[in-house]
Amino acid sequence: MLFRGSGSATPSRSISNAELGERVETSDEWIRTRTGIATRRVVNSDESLAELSGLAAERALDMAGWSADSLDLILLATSTPDDLFGSAPRLQARLGATHAVAFDLTAACSGFLFAVVTAAQYLRSGAMRRVLVVGADQLSRWVNWDDRRSCVLFGDAAGAVVLEASENGQDHLEGFLLRSDGSRGGVLQLPQVNQRQPLVGDASHQCGGFEPIQMNGQEVYKFAVREVPAILEKLLAQGGINADALDWLLLHQANQRILDAVGDRFSVPSEKVLSNLAHYGNTSAATIPLMLDEAVRDGRIQPGHRIASSGFGAGLSWGAALFRWSGPA
């Protein structure tokens, strides 16, 4: 499997910490020191998740030099679809990817990494030749903007990669590990509305809809700083690779303290720990491809560079992947 192109898209409106301080009791200093976030992007009334996903996908296809109708599969990793039945088919139609099957994959902040690993199975089996993976979320829909503990953390974005099967046996996904633990899912969730209405007789029905994001920040932080280094360490050991052989560490962008802690654990220099968290906040499934695309386009990531990546979040779910950036053929 080869990583042939990347793309990303963000909303036009940036909201600073100072602006949030006009709504809730918080400050730029309080947010920066605890999270590393300075601004975040929020979808405006004339934008949509579908638009962001489409733009990110088009940019990835353009980098690879592919037409949309050459795609065999589209995976949209999102927990905030425009349509609860699935938004990937609409993305397929928007792109004109007439030969591709398309479906959504939901794994919150781990979604993009889980989707890449899923795509790899289709490519390695020979069932598919070209796959588009998009990670996109519009968490601003589900944030309680009056809860200063959580509203400062999240933003909206989309990122994408296009993947190709290799004909010569070369595989740039060098390894992966995926984990889930539903027993701890309550520390970060977006639960259904618990409300029922009369239906007929003594029967009732549950009302549709969801509550705002509910998060125990301390428990999520402890989960991340414990599990992310552990799964990365196991993955590197399985591949017989030392941390000093990595060109980049690319983690889910949730909190700068988590990024720093994982980098320190592996003695990875700070300049090799990719971070754009300050500008976008936590964009869930979009954080890894958004950061990847930025580093590819500014020249930091070059073909052949080895990248260790980890996604982690609601579910609880987490995973790690070791891959090399291929670049266009």
C-alpha atoms as a PDB file:
ATOM      1  CA  MET A   1       0.000   0.000   0.000  1.00  0.00           C
ATOM      2  CA  LEU A   2       1.300   3.439  -0.965  1.00  0.00           C
ATOM      3  CA  PHE A   3       0.355   6.922   0.296  1.00  0.00           C
ATOM      4  CA  ARG A   4       0.036   8.925  -2.931  1.00  0.00           C
ATOM      5  CA  GLY A   5      -1.544  12.260  -1.981  1.00  0.00           C
ATOM      6  CA  SER A   6      -3.012  14.363   0.792  1.00  0.00           C
ATOM      7  CA  GLY A   7      -5.440  17.257   1.115  1.00  0.00           C
ATOM      8  CA  SER A   8      -7.210  19.281   3.778  1.00  0.00           C
ATOM      9  CA  ALA A   9      -9.794  22.002   4.252  1.00  0.00           C
ATOM     10  CA  THR A  10     -10.822  24.200   7.180  1.00  0.00           C
ATOM     11  CA  PRO A  11     -13.651  26.681   7.760  1.00  0.00           C
ATOM     12  CA  SER A  12     -12.934  30.328   7.026  1.00  0.00           C
ATOM     13  CA  ARG A  13     -13.906  31.594  10.502  1.00  0.00           C
ATOM     14  CA  SER A  14     -11.256  31.425  13.185  1.00  0.00           C
ATOM     15  CA  ILE A  15     -12.296  31.983  16.805  1.00  0.00           C
ATOM     16  CA  SER A  16      -9.609  33.078  19.252  1.00  0.00           C
ATOM     17  CA  ASN A  17      -9.340  32.291  22.935  1.00  0.00           C
ATOM     18  CA  ALA A  18     -10.045  35.937  23.688  1.00  0.00           C
ATOM     19  CA  GLU A  19     -13.301  35.751  21.727  1.00  0.00           C
ATOM     20  CA  LEU A  20     -14.381  32.671  23.678  1.00  0.00           C
ATOM     21  CA  GLY A  21     -13.653  34.627  26.835  1.00  0.00           C
ATOM     22  CA  GLU A  22     -16.464  36.972  25.834  1.00  0.00           C
ATOM     23  CA  ARG A  23     -18.936  34.064  26.123  1.00  0.00           C
ATOM     24  CA  VAL A  24     -17.627  31.929  28.993  1.00  0.00           C
ATOM     25  CA  GLU A  25     -15.393  32.585  31.980  1.00  0.00           C
ATOM     26  CA  THR A  26     -12.002  31.766  30.529  1.00  0.00           C
ATOM     27  CA  SER A  27      -8.875  33.475  29.189  1.00  0.00           C
ATOM     28  CA  ASP A  28      -6.189  33.053  26.579  1.00  0.00           C
ATOM     29  CA  GLU A  29      -3.632  32.247  29.267  1.00  0.00           C
ATOM     30  CA  TRP A  30      -5.878  29.643  30.932  1.00  0.00           C
ATOM     31  CA  ILE A  31      -6.532  27.831  27.640  1.00  0.00           C
ATOM     32  CA  ARG A  32      -2.972  28.014  26.281  1.00  0.00           C
ATOM     33  CA  THR A  33      -1.283  26.764  29.448  1.00  0.00           C
ATOM     34  CA  ARG A  34      -3.627  23.787  29.790  1.00  0.00           C
ATOM     35  CA  THR A  35      -4.085  22.781  26.162  1.00  0.00           C
ATOM     36  CA  GLY A  36      -1.731  24.670  23.842  1.00  0.00           C
ATOM     37  CA  ILE A  37      -4.703  25.879  21.782  1.00  0.00           C
ATOM     38  CA  ALA A  38      -4.876  29.509  20.619  1.00  0.00           C
ATOM     39  CA  THR A  39      -7.625  29.446  17.972  1.00  0.00           C
ATOM     40  CA  ARG A  40     -10.061  27.033  16.388  1.00  0.00           C
ATOM     41  CA  ARG A  41     -12.128  26.988  13.170  1.00  0.00           C
ATOM     42  CA  VAL A  42     -15.938  26.762  13.206  1.00  0.00           C
ATOM     43  CA  VAL A  43     -18.173  26.069  10.200  1.00  0.00           C
ATOM     44  CA  ASN A  44     -20.212  29.138   9.168  1.00  0.00           C
ATOM     45  CA  SER A  45     -23.775  29.198   7.841  1.00  0.00           C
ATOM     46  CA  ASP A  46     -22.524  29.169   4.235  1.00  0.00           C
ATOM     47  CA  GLU A  47     -20.201  26.169   4.810  1.00  0.00           C
ATOM     48  CA  SER A  48     -20.756  22.491   5.579  1.00  0.00           C
ATOM     49  CA  LEU A  49     -18.969  19.312   6.519  1.00  0.00           C
ATOM     50  CA  ALA A  50     -19.747  17.973   3.049  1.00  0.00           C
ATOM     51  CA  GLU A  51     -18.017  20.966   1.473  1.00  0.00           C
ATOM     52  CA  LEU A  52     -14.923  20.591   3.651  1.00  0.00           C
ATOM     53  CA  SER A  53     -14.746  16.855   2.942  1.00  0.00           C
ATOM     54  CA  GLY A  54     -15.097  17.446  -0.793  1.00  0.00           C
ATOM     55  CA  LEU A  55     -12.383  20.102  -0.876  1.00  0.00           C
ATOM     56  CA  ALA A  56      -9.950  17.950   1.111  1.00  0.00           C
ATOM     57  CA  ALA A  57     -10.636  14.986  -1.171  1.00  0.00           C
ATOM     58  CA  GLU A  58     -10.210  17.032  -4.363  1.00  0.00           C
ATOM     59  CA  ARG A  59      -6.869  18.376  -3.141  1.00  0.00           C
ATOM     60  CA  ALA A  60      -5.617  14.889  -2.320  1.00  0.00           C
ATOM     61  CA  LEU A  61      -6.660  13.613  -5.748  1.00  0.00           C
ATOM     62  CA  ASP A  62      -5.014  16.600  -7.408  1.00  0.00           C
ATOM     63  CA  MET A  63      -1.724  15.962  -5.601  1.00  0.00           C
ATOM     64  CA  ALA A  64      -1.751  12.337  -6.748  1.00  0.00           C
ATOM     65  CA  GLY A  65      -2.763  13.302 -10.285  1.00  0.00           C
ATOM     66  CA  TRP A  66      -5.807  11.009 -10.157  1.00  0.00           C
ATOM     67  CA  SER A  67      -9.305  11.470 -11.524  1.00  0.00           C
ATOM     68  CA  ALA A  68     -12.167  10.744  -9.136  1.00  0.00           C
ATOM     69  CA  ASP A  69     -13.572   8.064 -11.412  1.00  0.00           C
ATOM     70  CA  SER A  70     -10.391   6.019 -10.894  1.00  0.00           C
ATOM     71  CA  LEU A  71     -11.307   5.429  -7.232  1.00  0.00           C
ATOM     72  CA  ASP A  72     -12.598   2.031  -6.124  1.00  0.00           C
ATOM     73  CA  LEU A  73     -13.502   2.916  -2.538  1.00  0.00           C
ATOM     74  CA  ILE A  74     -14.238   5.985  -0.401  1.00  0.00           C
ATOM     75  CA  LEU A  75     -14.076   5.759   3.391  1.00  0.00           C
ATOM     76  CA  LEU A  76     -15.357   8.753   5.343  1.00  0.00           C
ATOM     77  CA  ALA A  77     -14.250   8.687   8.963  1.00  0.00           C
ATOM     78  CA  THR A  78     -16.665  10.940  10.824  1.00  0.00           C
ATOM     79  CA  SER A  79     -18.744  11.016  13.987  1.00  0.00           C
ATOM     80  CA  THR A  80     -20.718  14.076  12.877  1.00  0.00           C
ATOM     81  CA  PRO A  81     -22.228  13.227   9.468  1.00  0.00           C
ATOM     82  CA  ASP A  82     -24.615  15.553   7.678  1.00  0.00           C
ATOM     83  CA  ASP A  83     -26.913  12.536   7.310  1.00  0.00           C
ATOM     84  CA  LEU A  84     -27.105   9.949  10.091  1.00  0.00           C
ATOM     85  CA  PHE A  85     -27.597   7.253   7.442  1.00  0.00           C
ATOM     86  CA  GLY A  86     -24.145   8.142   6.063  1.00  0.00           C
ATOM     87  CA  SER A  87     -22.455  11.009   4.247  1.00  0.00           C
ATOM     88  CA  ALA A  88     -19.886   9.076   2.205  1.00  0.00           C
ATOM     89  CA  PRO A  89     -22.261   8.376  -0.724  1.00  0.00           C
ATOM     90  CA  ARG A  90     -22.933  12.117  -1.042  1.00  0.00           C
ATOM     91  CA  LEU A  91     -19.179  12.709  -1.106  1.00  0.00           C
ATOM     92  CA  GLN A  92     -18.910  10.092  -3.854  1.00  0.00           C
ATOM     93  CA  ALA A  93     -21.549  11.921  -5.887  1.00  0.00           C
ATOM     94  CA  ARG A  94     -19.955  15.327  -5.272  1.00  0.00           C
ATOM     95  CA  LEU A  95     -16.587  14.076  -6.557  1.00  0.00           C
ATOM     96  CA  GLY A  96     -18.024  12.201  -9.523  1.00  0.00           C
ATOM     97  CA  ALA A  97     -16.389   8.993  -8.296  1.00  0.00           C
ATOM     98  CA  THR A  98     -18.848   6.879 -10.245  1.00  0.00           C
ATOM     99  CA  HIS A  99     -16.938   3.592  -9.868  1.00  0.00           C
ATOM    100  CA  ALA A 100     -16.357   3.824  -6.109  1.00  0.00           C
ATOM    101  CA  VAL A 101     -18.330   2.255  -3.302  1.00  0.00           C
ATOM    102  CA  ALA A 102     -18.577   4.645  -0.342  1.00  0.00           C
ATOM    103  CA  PHE A 103     -19.406   4.245   3.323  1.00  0.00           C
ATOM    104  CA  ASP A 104     -18.883   5.970   6.673  1.00  0.00           C
ATOM    105  CA  LEU A 105     -16.693   4.685   9.495  1.00  0.00           C
ATOM    106  CA  THR A 106     -17.298   5.971  13.027  1.00  0.00           C
ATOM    107  CA  ALA A 107     -14.524   5.814  15.625  1.00  0.00           C
ATOM    108  CA  ALA A 108     -14.379   9.444  16.806  1.00  0.00           C
ATOM    109  CA  CYS A 109     -10.811  10.764  17.156  1.00  0.00           C
ATOM    110  CA  SER A 110      -9.361   7.370  16.184  1.00  0.00           C
ATOM    111  CA  GLY A 111     -11.492   7.264  13.046  1.00  0.00           C
ATOM    112  CA  PHE A 112      -8.946   8.314  10.445  1.00  0.00           C
ATOM    113  CA  LEU A 113      -6.343   5.816  11.601  1.00  0.00           C
ATOM    114  CA  PHE A 114      -8.944   3.043  11.792  1.00  0.00           C
ATOM    115  CA  ALA A 115     -10.099   3.939   8.266  1.00  0.00           C
ATOM    116  CA  VAL A 116      -6.559   3.813   6.838  1.00  0.00           C
ATOM    117  CA  VAL A 117      -6.058   0.362   8.340  1.00  0.00           C
ATOM    118  CA  THR A 118      -9.434  -0.732   6.930  1.00  0.00           C
ATOM    119  CA  ALA A 119      -8.451   0.570   3.493  1.00  0.00           C
ATOM    120  CA  ALA A 120      -5.202  -1.376   3.684  1.00  0.00           C
ATOM    121  CA  GLN A 121      -7.088  -4.657   3.920  1.00  0.00           C
ATOM    122  CA  TYR A 122      -8.964  -3.986   0.663  1.00  0.00           C
ATOM    123  CA  LEU A 123      -5.752  -2.943  -1.079  1.00  0.00           C
ATOM    124  CA  ARG A 124      -3.646  -5.820   0.193  1.00  0.00           C
ATOM    125  CA  SER A 125      -6.277  -8.392  -0.744  1.00  0.00           C
ATOM    126  CA  GLY A 126      -6.364  -7.142  -4.327  1.00  0.00           C
ATOM    127  CA  ALA A 127     -10.063  -6.292  -4.104  1.00  0.00           C
ATOM    128  CA  MET A 128      -9.358  -2.584  -4.621  1.00  0.00           C
ATOM    129  CA  ARG A 129      -6.649  -0.592  -6.392  1.00  0.00           C
ATOM    130  CA  ARG A 130      -7.290   3.006  -5.313  1.00  0.00           C
ATOM    131  CA  VAL A 131      -8.907   4.267  -2.115  1.00  0.00           C
ATOM    132  CA  LEU A 132      -9.766   7.706  -0.769  1.00  0.00           C
ATOM    133  CA  VAL A 133      -9.820   8.082   3.031  1.00  0.00           C
ATOM    134  CA  VAL A 134     -11.290  11.259   4.504  1.00  0.00           C
ATOM    135  CA  GLY A 135     -11.309  12.214   8.181  1.00  0.00           C
ATOM    136  CA  ALA A 136     -13.795  15.013   8.841  1.00  0.00           C
ATOM    137  CA  ASP A 137     -15.736  16.280  11.828  1.00  0.00           C
ATOM    138  CA  GLN A 138     -17.909  19.247  12.735  1.00  0.00           C
ATOM    139  CA  LEU A 139     -17.797  19.007  16.509  1.00  0.00           C
ATOM    140  CA  SER A 140     -19.069  22.583  16.855  1.00  0.00           C
ATOM    141  CA  ARG A 141     -22.530  21.034  16.304  1.00  0.00           C
ATOM    142  CA  TRP A 142     -22.296  19.067  19.528  1.00  0.00           C
ATOM    143  CA  VAL A 143     -20.232  21.233  21.868  1.00  0.00           C
ATOM    144  CA  ASN A 144     -21.891  22.927  24.825  1.00  0.00           C
ATOM    145  CA  TRP A 145     -20.548  26.420  24.167  1.00  0.00           C
ATOM    146  CA  ASP A 146     -21.360  27.445  27.726  1.00  0.00           C
ATOM    147  CA  ASP A 147     -19.150  24.741  29.262  1.00  0.00           C
ATOM    148  CA  ARG A 148     -15.660  26.222  29.524  1.00  0.00           C
ATOM    149  CA  ARG A 149     -14.141  22.843  30.382  1.00  0.00           C
ATOM    150  CA  SER A 150     -14.889  21.448  26.920  1.00  0.00           C
ATOM    151  CA  CYS A 151     -15.864  24.228  24.517  1.00  0.00           C
ATOM    152  CA  VAL A 152     -12.292  25.554  24.331  1.00  0.00           C
ATOM    153  CA  LEU A 153     -10.984  22.257  22.954  1.00  0.00           C
ATOM    154  CA  PHE A 154     -12.782  21.573  19.705  1.00  0.00           C
ATOM    155  CA  GLY A 155     -12.883  22.781  16.099  1.00  0.00           C
ATOM    156  CA  ASP A 156     -14.037  21.741  12.624  1.00  0.00           C
ATOM    157  CA  ALA A 157     -11.919  20.476   9.708  1.00  0.00           C
ATOM    158  CA  ALA A 158     -11.402  17.784   7.080  1.00  0.00           C
ATOM    159  CA  GLY A 159      -8.305  15.961   5.877  1.00  0.00           C
ATOM    160  CA  ALA A 160      -7.781  13.274   3.257  1.00  0.00           C
ATOM    161  CA  VAL A 161      -5.290  10.827   1.790  1.00  0.00           C
ATOM    162  CA  VAL A 162      -5.403   8.712  -1.351  1.00  0.00           C
ATOM    163  CA  LEU A 163      -3.935   5.224  -1.158  1.00  0.00           C
ATOM    164  CA  GLU A 164      -2.850   2.844  -3.898  1.00  0.00           C
ATOM    165  CA  ALA A 165      -2.117  -0.862  -4.011  1.00  0.00           C
ATOM    166  CA  SER A 166       1.478  -1.682  -4.854  1.00  0.00           C
ATOM    167  CA  GLU A 167       2.268  -3.958  -7.769  1.00  0.00           C
ATOM    168  CA  ASN A 168       5.856  -4.772  -6.747  1.00  0.00           C
ATOM    169  CA  GLY A 169       5.169  -5.929  -3.189  1.00  0.00           C
ATOM    170  CA  GLN A 170       6.277  -2.632  -1.679  1.00  0.00           C
ATOM    171  CA  ASP A 171       4.051  -1.729   1.272  1.00  0.00           C
ATOM    172  CA  HIS A 172       4.479   1.581   3.064  1.00  0.00           C
ATOM    173  CA  LEU A 173       2.134   0.670   5.912  1.00  0.00           C
ATOM    174  CA  GLU A 174       4.785  -1.083   7.978  1.00  0.00           C
ATOM    175  CA  GLY A 175       2.599  -2.048  10.908  1.00  0.00           C
ATOM    176  CA  PHE A 176      -0.445  -1.182  12.989  1.00  0.00           C
ATOM    177  CA  LEU A 177      -2.226  -1.973  16.265  1.00  0.00           C
ATOM    178  CA  LEU A 178      -5.831  -1.093  17.145  1.00  0.00           C
ATOM    179  CA  ARG A 179      -7.573  -1.180  20.523  1.00  0.00           C
ATOM    180  CA  SER A 180     -11.020  -0.530  22.055  1.00  0.00           C
ATOM    181  CA  ASP A 181     -12.285  -0.500  25.632  1.00  0.00           C
ATOM    182  CA  GLY A 182     -15.996   0.201  25.904  1.00  0.00           C
ATOM    183  CA  SER A 183     -15.917  -0.184  29.685  1.00  0.00           C
ATOM    184  CA  ARG A 184     -14.287   3.242  29.861  1.00  0.00           C
ATOM    185  CA  GLY A 185     -16.445   4.866  27.189  1.00  0.00           C
ATOM    186  CA  GLY A 186     -18.338   7.007  29.672  1.00  0.00           C
ATOM    187  CA  VAL A 187     -15.406   9.374  30.166  1.00  0.00           C
ATOM    188  CA  LEU A 188     -15.889  10.790  26.648  1.00  0.00           C
ATOM    189  CA  GLN A 189     -19.234  10.414  24.931  1.00  0.00           C
ATOM    190  CA  LEU A 190     -21.959  12.040  22.874  1.00  0.00           C
ATOM    191  CA  PRO A 191     -25.022  10.185  24.212  1.00  0.00           C
ATOM    192  CA  GLN A 192     -28.547  10.018  22.857  1.00  0.00           C
ATOM    193  CA  VAL A 193     -31.245  12.263  24.265  1.00  0.00           C
ATOM    194  CA  ASN A 194     -32.940  10.287  27.025  1.00  0.00           C
ATOM    195  CA  GLN A 195     -36.490  11.402  26.375  1.00  0.00           C
ATOM    196  CA  ARG A 196     -39.609   9.458  25.433  1.00  0.00           C
ATOM    197  CA  GLN A 197     -43.006  10.490  24.095  1.00  0.00           C
ATOM    198  CA  PRO A 198     -46.365   8.669  24.058  1.00  0.00           C
ATOM    199  CA  LEU A 199     -46.981   6.619  20.920  1.00  0.00           C
ATOM    200  CA  VAL A 200     -50.215   4.563  21.121  1.00  0.00           C
ATOM    201  CA  GLY A 201     -51.843   3.023  24.169  1.00  0.00           C
ATOM    202  CA  ASP A 202     -49.186   2.229  26.742  1.00  0.00           C
ATOM    203  CA  ALA A 203     -46.382   2.301  24.130  1.00  0.00           C
ATOM    204  CA  SER A 204     -43.891   5.149  23.844  1.00  0.00           C
ATOM    205  CA  HIS A 205     -41.061   6.068  21.515  1.00  0.00           C
ATOM    206  CA  GLN A 206     -37.647   7.536  22.134  1.00  0.00           C
ATOM    207  CA  CYS A 207     -37.050  11.019  20.734  1.00  0.00           C
ATOM    208  CA  GLY A 208     -34.196  11.356  18.272  1.00  0.00           C
ATOM    209  CA  GLY A 209     -31.197  13.562  18.921  1.00  0.00           C
ATOM    210  CA  PHE A 210     -28.092  13.720  21.046  1.00  0.00           C
ATOM    211  CA  GLU A 211     -26.832  15.511  24.113  1.00  0.00           C
ATOM    212  CA  PRO A 212     -23.747  17.785  23.896  1.00  0.00           C
ATOM    213  CA  ILE A 213     -20.296  16.211  24.241  1.00  0.00           C
ATOM    214  CA  GLN A 214     -19.670  14.929  27.764  1.00  0.00           C
ATOM    215  CA  MET A 215     -16.063  14.552  28.861  1.00  0.00           C
ATOM    216  CA  ASN A 216     -14.060  13.851  32.000  1.00  0.00           C
ATOM    217  CA  GLY A 217     -10.943  15.733  30.965  1.00  0.00           C
ATOM    218  CA  GLN A 218      -8.667  14.373  33.684  1.00  0.00           C
ATOM    219  CA  GLU A 219      -9.534  10.767  32.895  1.00  0.00           C
ATOM    220  CA  VAL A 220      -9.099  11.293  29.151  1.00  0.00           C
ATOM    221  CA  TYR A 221      -5.693  12.853  29.747  1.00  0.00           C
ATOM    222  CA  LYS A 222      -4.573   9.958  31.975  1.00  0.00           C
ATOM    223  CA  PHE A 223      -5.852   7.486  29.388  1.00  0.00           C
ATOM    224  CA  ALA A 224      -3.910   9.153  26.573  1.00  0.00           C
ATOM    225  CA  VAL A 225      -0.563   9.558  28.350  1.00  0.00           C
ATOM    226  CA  ARG A 226      -0.714   5.926  29.498  1.00  0.00           C
ATOM    227  CA  GLU A 227      -2.075   4.089  26.471  1.00  0.00           C
ATOM    228  CA  VAL A 228      -0.528   6.017  23.563  1.00  0.00           C
ATOM    229  CA  PRO A 229       3.125   5.460  24.564  1.00  0.00           C
ATOM    230  CA  ALA A 230       2.351   1.841  25.412  1.00  0.00           C
ATOM    231  CA  ILE A 231       0.823   1.010  22.036  1.00  0.00           C
ATOM    232  CA  LEU A 232       3.529   2.884  20.136  1.00  0.00           C
ATOM    233  CA  GLU A 233       6.222   1.070  22.109  1.00  0.00           C
ATOM    234  CA  LYS A 234       4.651  -2.288  21.288  1.00  0.00           C
ATOM    235  CA  LEU A 235       4.315  -1.421  17.615  1.00  0.00           C
ATOM    236  CA  LEU A 236       7.932  -0.318  17.310  1.00  0.00           C
ATOM    237  CA  ALA A 237       9.094  -3.445  19.133  1.00  0.00           C
ATOM    238  CA  GLN A 238       7.114  -5.663  16.755  1.00  0.00           C
ATOM    239  CA  GLY A 239       8.863  -4.024  13.825  1.00  0.00           C
ATOM    240  CA  GLY A 240      12.287  -4.065  15.473  1.00  0.00           C
ATOM    241  CA  ILE A 241      12.483  -0.296  15.041  1.00  0.00           C
ATOM    242  CA  ASN A 242      14.051   2.176  17.458  1.00  0.00           C
ATOM    243  CA  ALA A 243      12.483   5.580  18.032  1.00  0.00           C
ATOM    244  CA  ASP A 244      15.585   7.276  16.641  1.00  0.00           C
ATOM    245  CA  ALA A 245      14.745   5.698  13.245  1.00  0.00           C
ATOM    246  CA  LEU A 246      11.575   7.786  13.054  1.00  0.00           C
ATOM    247  CA  ASP A 247      11.479  10.917  10.943  1.00  0.00           C
ATOM    248  CA  TRP A 248       8.236  12.161  12.486  1.00  0.00           C
ATOM    249  CA  LEU A 249       5.833  11.527  15.343  1.00  0.00           C
ATOM    250  CA  LEU A 250       2.276  12.341  14.227  1.00  0.00           C
ATOM    251  CA  LEU A 251      -0.307  12.092  17.001  1.00  0.00           C
ATOM    252  CA  HIS A 252      -3.959  12.989  17.298  1.00  0.00           C
ATOM    253  CA  GLN A 253      -3.959  16.707  18.114  1.00  0.00           C
ATOM    254  CA  ALA A 254      -5.871  16.810  21.405  1.00  0.00           C
ATOM    255  CA  ASN A 255      -3.607  18.532  23.921  1.00  0.00           C
ATOM    256  CA  GLN A 256      -0.059  19.845  23.589  1.00  0.00           C
ATOM    257  CA  ARG A 257       0.863  18.359  26.957  1.00  0.00           C
ATOM    258  CA  ILE A 258      -0.010  14.906  25.598  1.00  0.00           C
ATOM    259  CA  LEU A 259       2.127  15.472  22.495  1.00  0.00           C
ATOM    260  CA  ASP A 260       5.040  16.626  24.645  1.00  0.00           C
ATOM    261  CA  ALA A 261       4.690  13.722  27.089  1.00  0.00           C
ATOM    262  CA  VAL A 262       4.719  11.096  24.329  1.00  0.00           C
ATOM    263  CA  GLY A 263       7.665  12.764  22.586  1.00  0.00           C
ATOM    264  CA  ASP A 264       9.622  12.826  25.851  1.00  0.00           C
ATOM    265  CA  ARG A 265       8.805   9.165  26.514  1.00  0.00           C
ATOM    266  CA  PHE A 266      10.520   8.172  23.265  1.00  0.00           C
ATOM    267  CA  SER A 267      13.231  10.862  23.387  1.00  0.00           C
ATOM    268  CA  VAL A 268      11.927  12.262  20.096  1.00  0.00           C
ATOM    269  CA  PRO A 269      13.154  15.865  19.621  1.00  0.00           C
ATOM    270  CA  SER A 270      10.329  18.405  19.818  1.00  0.00           C
ATOM    271  CA  GLU A 271      10.968  19.530  16.245  1.00  0.00           C
ATOM    272  CA  LYS A 272      10.058  15.997  15.084  1.00  0.00           C
ATOM    273  CA  VAL A 273       6.745  15.963  16.970  1.00  0.00           C
ATOM    274  CA  LEU A 274       4.281  17.425  14.479  1.00  0.00           C
ATOM    275  CA  SER A 275       1.784  19.890  15.939  1.00  0.00           C
ATOM    276  CA  ASN A 276      -0.692  22.411  14.577  1.00  0.00           C
ATOM    277  CA  LEU A 277      -3.002  22.177  17.573  1.00  0.00           C
ATOM    278  CA  ALA A 278      -2.544  25.859  18.409  1.00  0.00           C
ATOM    279  CA  HIS A 279      -4.302  26.900  15.203  1.00  0.00           C
ATOM    280  CA  TYR A 280      -7.143  24.374  14.932  1.00  0.00           C
ATOM    281  CA  GLY A 281      -7.824  22.709  18.281  1.00  0.00           C
ATOM    282  CA  ASN A 282      -9.109  19.144  18.393  1.00  0.00           C
ATOM    283  CA  THR A 283     -10.842  18.392  15.084  1.00  0.00           C
ATOM    284  CA  SER A 284     -11.430  14.714  15.943  1.00  0.00           C
ATOM    285  CA  ALA A 285     -10.978  12.417  12.910  1.00  0.00           C
ATOM    286  CA  ALA A 286      -9.481  15.310  10.916  1.00  0.00           C
ATOM    287  CA  THR A 287      -6.474  16.089  13.113  1.00  0.00           C
ATOM    288  CA  ILE A 288      -4.006  13.525  11.744  1.00  0.00           C
ATOM    289  CA  PRO A 289      -4.679  14.045   8.004  1.00  0.00           C
ATOM    290  CA  LEU A 290      -4.855  17.830   8.515  1.00  0.00           C
ATOM    291  CA  MET A 291      -1.413  17.837  10.122  1.00  0.00           C
ATOM    292  CA  LEU A 292      -0.058  15.340   7.608  1.00  0.00           C
ATOM    293  CA  ASP A 293      -1.177  17.452   4.659  1.00  0.00           C
ATOM    294  CA  GLU A 294       0.298  20.620   6.149  1.00  0.00           C
ATOM    295  CA  ALA A 295       3.694  18.979   6.668  1.00  0.00           C
ATOM    296  CA  VAL A 296       3.689  17.408   3.191  1.00  0.00           C
ATOM    297  CA  ARG A 297       2.843  20.689   1.486  1.00  0.00           C
ATOM    298  CA  ASP A 298       5.413  22.774   3.367  1.00  0.00           C
ATOM    299  CA  GLY A 299       8.141  20.238   2.581  1.00  0.00           C
ATOM    300  CA  ARG A 300       8.817  18.854   6.024  1.00  0.00           C
ATOM    301  CA  ILE A 301       7.575  15.380   5.118  1.00  0.00           C
ATOM    302  CA  GLN A 302       9.401  13.951   2.120  1.00  0.00           C
ATOM    303  CA  PRO A 303       8.932  10.682   0.189  1.00  0.00           C
ATOM    304  CA  GLY A 304      10.469   7.833   2.162  1.00  0.00           C
ATOM    305  CA  HIS A 305      10.123   9.495   5.561  1.00  0.00           C
ATOM    306  CA  ARG A 306       9.039   7.106   8.296  1.00  0.00           C
ATOM    307  CA  ILE A 307       6.135   8.305  10.458  1.00  0.00           C
ATOM    308  CA  ALA A 308       4.773   6.847  13.700  1.00  0.00           C
ATOM    309  CA  SER A 309       1.173   7.889  14.241  1.00  0.00           C
ATOM    310  CA  SER A 310      -1.409   7.339  16.963  1.00  0.00           C
ATOM    311  CA  GLY A 311      -5.087   8.209  17.215  1.00  0.00           C
ATOM    312  CA  PHE A 312      -7.019   8.041  20.474  1.00  0.00           C
ATOM    313  CA  GLY A 313     -10.323   9.153  21.910  1.00  0.00           C
ATOM    314  CA  ALA A 314     -13.977   8.304  22.449  1.00  0.00           C
ATOM    315  CA  GLY A 315     -15.043   4.697  22.588  1.00  0.00           C
ATOM    316  CA  LEU A 316     -12.619   4.486  24.227  1.00  0.00           C
ATOM    317  CA  SER A 317     -10.554   3.658  21.170  1.00  0.00           C
ATOM    318  CA  TRP A 318      -6.919   4.025  20.262  1.00  0.00           C
ATOM    319  CA  GLY A 319      -4.433   2.755  17.755  1.00  0.00           C
ATOM    320  CA  ALA A 320      -1.037   3.233  16.205  1.00  0.00           C
ATOM    321  CA  ALA A 321       0.397   2.906  12.710  1.00  0.00           C
ATOM    322  CA  LEU A 322       3.894   2.990  11.310  1.00  0.00           C
ATOM    323  CA  PHE A 323       4.132   4.102   7.695  1.00  0.00           C
ATOM    324  CA  ARG A 324       6.319   5.796   5.104  1.00  0.00           C
ATOM    325  CA  TRP A 325       5.107   8.686   2.986  1.00  0.00           C
ATOM    326  CA  SER A 326       5.185   7.646  -0.668  1.00  0.00           C
ATOM    327  CA  GLY A 327       4.225  10.766  -2.590  1.00  0.00           C
ATOM    328  CA  PRO A 328       2.865  10.911  -6.140  1.00  0.00           C
ATOM    329  CA  ALA A 329       4.041   8.281  -8.580  1.00  0.00           C
END
